[in-house]
Protein backbone atom coordinates (compact mmCIF):
# COMPACT_ATOMS: atom_id res chain seq x y z
CA MET A 1 -0.68 4.44 20.83
CA GLN A 2 1.75 3.00 19.12
CA GLN A 3 3.17 5.41 16.67
CA SER A 4 3.23 3.30 12.85
CA LEU A 5 6.79 1.99 11.67
CA ILE A 6 5.27 2.61 8.22
CA PRO A 7 4.18 6.02 7.25
CA GLN A 8 0.84 6.55 5.89
CA GLN A 9 2.38 9.51 4.05
CA LYS A 10 5.34 7.73 2.25
CA LEU A 11 2.86 4.48 1.19
CA ILE A 12 0.40 7.48 -0.76
CA GLU A 13 3.84 8.58 -2.13
CA LEU A 14 4.43 5.36 -3.92
CA ILE A 15 0.57 4.69 -4.17
CA THR A 16 0.57 8.02 -6.38
CA GLN A 17 4.44 7.14 -8.34
CA VAL A 18 2.97 3.87 -9.23
CA LYS A 19 -0.49 5.79 -10.55
CA GLY A 20 1.94 8.36 -12.74
CA GLY A 21 0.09 11.44 -10.48
CA ALA A 22 -2.80 9.97 -12.46
CA ILE A 23 -5.31 10.49 -9.27
CA SER A 24 -9.04 11.75 -9.90
CA ALA A 25 -9.59 12.47 -5.82
CA PRO A 26 -7.04 12.98 -2.68
CA ILE A 27 -5.49 9.28 -1.13
CA THR A 28 -6.48 8.89 2.33
CA GLY A 29 -5.41 6.81 5.03
CA SER A 30 -9.71 5.11 4.09
CA SER A 31 -8.77 5.14 0.45
CA HIS A 32 -9.97 1.19 -1.24
CA LEU A 33 -6.52 0.92 -3.60
CA VAL A 34 -9.04 -0.43 -6.16
CA ASP A 35 -12.15 1.33 -6.09
CA ASP A 36 -11.02 4.93 -4.78
CA VAL A 37 -7.32 5.02 -6.46
CA GLY A 38 -8.14 2.42 -9.19
CA LEU A 39 -4.95 0.77 -9.07
CA ASP A 40 -5.26 -2.74 -11.31
CA SER A 41 -3.42 -5.98 -11.25
CA LEU A 42 -0.27 -4.75 -12.82
CA GLN A 43 -0.14 -1.32 -10.68
CA LEU A 44 -0.75 -3.73 -7.71
CA ILE A 45 2.86 -5.56 -8.40
CA ASN A 46 4.42 -2.67 -9.14
CA LEU A 47 3.18 -0.87 -5.75
CA VAL A 48 4.11 -3.94 -4.07
CA ILE A 49 7.86 -4.12 -5.61
CA LEU A 50 8.38 -0.75 -4.36
CA VAL A 51 7.28 -1.40 -0.67
CA GLU A 52 9.29 -3.92 -0.90
CA ASP A 53 12.32 -2.10 -1.39
CA GLU A 54 10.89 1.03 0.22
CA PHE A 55 10.33 -1.01 3.56
CA GLN A 56 12.55 -3.67 3.37
CA VAL A 57 9.74 -6.60 3.32
CA ASP A 58 9.16 -9.60 1.09
CA VAL A 59 5.51 -9.70 0.19
CA ASP A 60 4.18 -13.30 0.76
CA PHE A 61 1.63 -13.89 -1.40
CA ASN A 62 0.42 -16.72 0.36
CA SER A 63 -0.48 -14.36 2.82
CA PHE A 64 -1.63 -11.99 1.23
CA GLN A 65 -5.80 -11.35 1.20
CA VAL A 66 -7.83 -9.25 -0.88
CA GLU A 67 -9.20 -7.19 2.25
CA HIS A 68 -5.68 -5.79 2.50
CA LEU A 69 -6.52 -3.24 -0.21
CA SER A 70 -9.49 -2.01 1.38
CA SER A 71 -7.50 1.06 2.62
CA VAL A 72 -4.24 2.85 2.58
CA ASP A 73 -4.09 1.96 6.43
CA LYS A 74 -5.02 -1.62 6.30
CA PHE A 75 -2.49 -2.18 3.06
CA GLY A 76 0.07 0.11 5.79
CA GLN A 77 -1.13 -2.45 8.63
CA PHE A 78 -0.39 -5.41 6.33
CA ILE A 79 3.45 -3.93 5.75
CA GLN A 80 3.91 -3.38 9.40
CA GLN A 81 3.45 -7.23 9.91
CA LEU A 82 5.66 -8.18 7.68
CA ALA A 83 8.44 -5.75 9.03
CA LYS A 84 8.16 -7.08 12.48
CA THR A 85 8.95 -11.03 10.96
């Protein structure tokens, strides 16, 4: 299996940073970014900005779908695809 280009732990650190550390349960790869982590729309935008800077990608909101928020891992896969282009 190929090693992920986007480290899950780094994504979790960025999510925690956006939440200001106010997270009630541990974040895992299967954590839903809205339902489990509780990111609101402004926090999602802030997360995308941090991810763009950290991983040197440009998120195209025309290709962004709500399913990318269904887990930390799904979001990481989306970012990884952007990093390949």
